[in-house]
N, C-alpha and C. Protein backbone atom coordinates (compact mmCIF):
# COMPACT_ATOMS: atom_id res chain seq x y z
N MET A 1 96.44 6.02 208.14
CA MET A 1 96.14 7.09 207.11
C MET A 1 96.10 8.34 207.83
N ALA A 2 96.84 9.44 207.11
CA ALA A 2 96.44 10.60 207.70
C ALA A 2 95.25 11.11 207.40
N LYS A 3 94.76 11.91 208.45
CA LYS A 3 93.34 12.16 208.11
C LYS A 3 93.22 13.64 207.60
N ILE A 4 92.60 14.25 206.42
CA ILE A 4 92.67 15.43 206.14
C ILE A 4 91.91 16.27 206.77
N THR A 5 92.21 17.47 207.23
CA THR A 5 91.47 18.68 207.86
C THR A 5 91.75 19.72 207.38
N LYS A 6 90.85 20.68 207.91
CA LYS A 6 90.79 21.68 207.07
C LYS A 6 91.98 22.99 207.37
N ASP A 7 92.90 22.69 208.43
CA ASP A 7 93.97 23.58 208.96
C ASP A 7 95.34 22.90 208.17
N MET A 8 94.98 21.74 207.30
CA MET A 8 96.37 21.42 206.59
C MET A 8 96.45 22.21 205.30
N ILE A 9 97.35 22.17 204.92
CA ILE A 9 97.98 22.97 203.34
C ILE A 9 97.52 22.35 202.43
N ILE A 10 97.21 22.88 201.52
CA ILE A 10 96.69 22.14 200.21
C ILE A 10 98.02 21.01 199.96
N LYS A 11 99.07 21.83 199.92
CA LYS A 11 100.24 20.70 199.29
C LYS A 11 100.35 19.32 200.09
N ASP A 12 99.83 19.66 201.34
CA ASP A 12 100.28 18.40 202.19
C ASP A 12 98.73 17.43 201.77
N ILE A 13 97.82 17.73 201.52
CA ILE A 13 96.71 17.10 201.22
C ILE A 13 97.20 16.36 199.98
N ILE A 14 97.67 17.18 199.06
CA ILE A 14 97.91 16.59 197.69
C ILE A 14 98.93 15.44 197.98
N ASN A 15 99.78 15.47 198.68
CA ASN A 15 100.88 14.42 199.11
C ASN A 15 100.42 13.27 199.71
N ILE A 16 99.05 13.45 200.41
CA ILE A 16 98.46 12.34 200.63
C ILE A 16 98.00 11.39 199.77
N ASN A 17 97.18 11.90 198.64
CA ASN A 17 97.00 11.19 197.90
C ASN A 17 96.61 11.98 196.47
N MET A 18 97.47 12.01 195.31
CA MET A 18 97.41 13.02 194.29
C MET A 18 95.54 12.80 193.54
N GLY A 19 95.05 11.78 193.74
CA GLY A 19 93.82 11.54 193.71
C GLY A 19 92.90 12.78 194.04
N CYS A 20 93.38 13.80 195.16
CA CYS A 20 92.74 14.75 195.77
C CYS A 20 92.66 15.95 194.53
N ILE A 21 93.54 15.99 193.87
CA ILE A 21 93.55 17.42 193.01
C ILE A 21 92.27 17.52 192.04
N PRO A 22 91.91 16.17 191.23
CA PRO A 22 90.34 16.17 190.77
C PRO A 22 89.44 16.97 191.60
N ILE A 23 89.23 16.39 192.65
CA ILE A 23 88.27 16.87 193.26
C ILE A 23 88.47 18.40 193.82
N LEU A 24 89.74 18.78 194.43
CA LEU A 24 89.72 20.42 194.45
C LEU A 24 89.18 20.86 193.10
N LEU A 25 89.77 20.81 192.10
CA LEU A 25 89.64 21.18 190.84
C LEU A 25 88.08 21.35 190.38
N ASN A 26 87.24 20.17 190.65
CA ASN A 26 86.15 20.32 190.56
C ASN A 26 85.07 20.83 191.66
N GLU A 27 85.67 21.82 192.53
CA GLU A 27 85.22 22.54 193.67
C GLU A 27 85.38 23.89 193.00
N GLY A 28 86.21 24.10 192.09
CA GLY A 28 86.92 25.42 191.90
C GLY A 28 87.99 25.89 192.08
N MET A 29 88.96 25.02 192.78
CA MET A 29 90.15 25.33 193.47
C MET A 29 91.39 25.28 192.56
N HIS A 30 91.23 25.75 191.52
CA HIS A 30 92.67 25.76 190.57
C HIS A 30 93.92 26.33 191.16
N CYS A 31 93.85 26.21 192.65
CA CYS A 31 94.88 26.73 193.28
C CYS A 31 96.14 25.54 193.43
N VAL A 32 95.69 24.45 192.96
CA VAL A 32 96.32 23.11 193.31
C VAL A 32 98.04 23.44 192.76
N GLY A 33 97.91 24.26 191.40
CA GLY A 33 99.34 24.24 190.98
C GLY A 33 99.78 25.58 191.04
N CYS A 34 99.30 26.49 192.00
CA CYS A 34 99.82 27.64 191.90
C CYS A 34 100.76 27.86 193.44
N PRO A 35 101.55 28.93 193.61
CA PRO A 35 102.30 29.30 194.69
C PRO A 35 101.38 29.04 196.06
N ALA A 36 100.29 29.55 195.94
CA ALA A 36 99.44 29.56 197.23
C ALA A 36 99.33 28.36 197.90
N SER A 37 99.13 27.35 197.01
CA SER A 37 98.83 25.91 197.41
C SER A 37 100.19 25.51 198.43
N GLN A 38 101.25 26.19 198.49
CA GLN A 38 102.32 25.60 198.90
C GLN A 38 102.25 26.46 200.52
N GLY A 39 101.36 27.16 200.77
CA GLY A 39 101.22 27.69 202.28
C GLY A 39 99.77 28.19 202.75
N GLU A 40 98.78 27.55 201.81
CA GLU A 40 97.46 28.41 202.23
C GLU A 40 96.66 27.16 202.56
N THR A 41 96.00 27.17 203.65
CA THR A 41 95.23 26.02 204.48
C THR A 41 93.78 25.58 203.60
N LEU A 42 93.43 24.36 203.67
CA LEU A 42 92.20 24.19 203.02
C LEU A 42 91.13 25.18 203.46
N GLU A 43 90.89 25.55 204.89
CA GLU A 43 90.17 26.50 205.11
C GLU A 43 90.22 27.85 204.32
N GLU A 44 91.47 28.15 204.48
CA GLU A 44 91.83 29.64 203.72
C GLU A 44 91.33 29.39 202.33
N ALA A 45 91.60 28.51 201.57
CA ALA A 45 91.41 28.37 200.68
C ALA A 45 89.82 28.33 200.32
N CYS A 46 88.90 27.72 201.12
CA CYS A 46 87.57 27.34 201.08
C CYS A 46 86.94 28.87 201.23
N ILE A 47 87.58 29.98 201.84
CA ILE A 47 87.03 31.01 202.29
C ILE A 47 87.00 31.91 200.96
N VAL A 48 88.14 31.70 200.26
CA VAL A 48 88.68 32.65 199.02
C VAL A 48 87.41 32.08 198.17
N HIS A 49 87.08 30.68 198.11
CA HIS A 49 86.19 30.45 196.82
C HIS A 49 84.82 30.09 197.22
N GLY A 50 84.44 30.65 198.75
CA GLY A 50 82.81 30.41 198.90
C GLY A 50 82.52 29.02 199.40
N LEU A 51 83.51 28.10 199.70
CA LEU A 51 82.96 26.91 200.15
C LEU A 51 83.05 26.45 201.39
N ASP A 52 82.29 25.44 202.09
CA ASP A 52 82.50 24.79 203.51
C ASP A 52 83.60 23.93 203.57
N ALA A 53 84.68 24.94 204.13
CA ALA A 53 85.84 23.73 204.54
C ALA A 53 85.48 22.25 205.11
N ASP A 54 84.62 22.30 206.04
CA ASP A 54 84.29 20.74 206.64
C ASP A 54 83.61 19.69 205.89
N VAL A 55 82.90 20.45 205.02
CA VAL A 55 82.36 19.72 203.96
C VAL A 55 83.01 19.02 202.65
N LEU A 56 84.07 20.06 202.17
CA LEU A 56 85.24 19.85 201.10
C LEU A 56 86.01 18.50 201.82
N ALA A 57 86.42 19.05 203.49
CA ALA A 57 87.53 17.91 204.07
C ALA A 57 86.85 16.68 204.27
N LYS A 58 85.59 16.13 204.18
CA LYS A 58 84.85 15.58 204.28
C LYS A 58 85.07 14.86 202.94
N LYS A 59 84.72 15.60 201.95
CA LYS A 59 84.62 14.85 200.46
C LYS A 59 86.16 14.08 200.23
N LEU A 60 87.27 14.98 200.88
CA LEU A 60 88.47 14.51 200.61
C LEU A 60 88.74 12.77 201.32
N ASN A 61 88.15 13.41 202.54
CA ASN A 61 88.50 11.85 203.53
C ASN A 61 87.88 10.85 202.84
N ASP A 62 86.66 10.80 202.50
CA ASP A 62 85.52 9.94 201.94
C ASP A 62 86.64 9.41 200.43
N PHE A 63 87.08 10.16 199.91
CA PHE A 63 88.01 9.66 198.61
C PHE A 63 89.04 8.57 198.84
N VAL A 64 89.70 9.24 199.88
CA VAL A 64 90.88 8.63 200.18
C VAL A 64 90.88 7.17 201.04
N VAL A 65 89.86 6.98 201.67
CA VAL A 65 89.50 5.91 202.50
C VAL A 65 88.76 4.90 201.18
N SER A 66 87.99 5.29 200.34
CA SER A 66 87.58 4.73 199.31
C SER A 66 88.46 3.99 198.58
N VAL A 67 89.96 4.82 198.16
CA VAL A 67 90.71 4.25 197.41
C VAL A 67 91.91 3.61 198.44
N ASP A 68 92.15 3.79 199.53
CA ASP A 68 93.16 3.24 200.40
C ASP A 68 92.60 2.15 201.29
N GLY A 69 91.22 2.01 201.38
CA GLY A 69 90.63 1.19 202.12
C GLY A 69 90.74 1.19 203.60
N GLU A 70 90.90 2.30 204.06
CA GLU A 70 91.41 2.60 205.49
C GLU A 70 90.21 3.36 206.27
């Protein structure tokens, strides 16, 4: 399983598991469908939205592990 890191591009995070989309949306990151998600890292998006990238990466990884079981 690929580990989600704050230097990953949002598009690549979504490609790991589409279930990450609701988590990003719940955090106020409505950029998942905009062109910025094609080249913006999780950390860059978190800076724009005033979020802690490490905390969000952990939430995303915890979710992926819970559904993929790895």
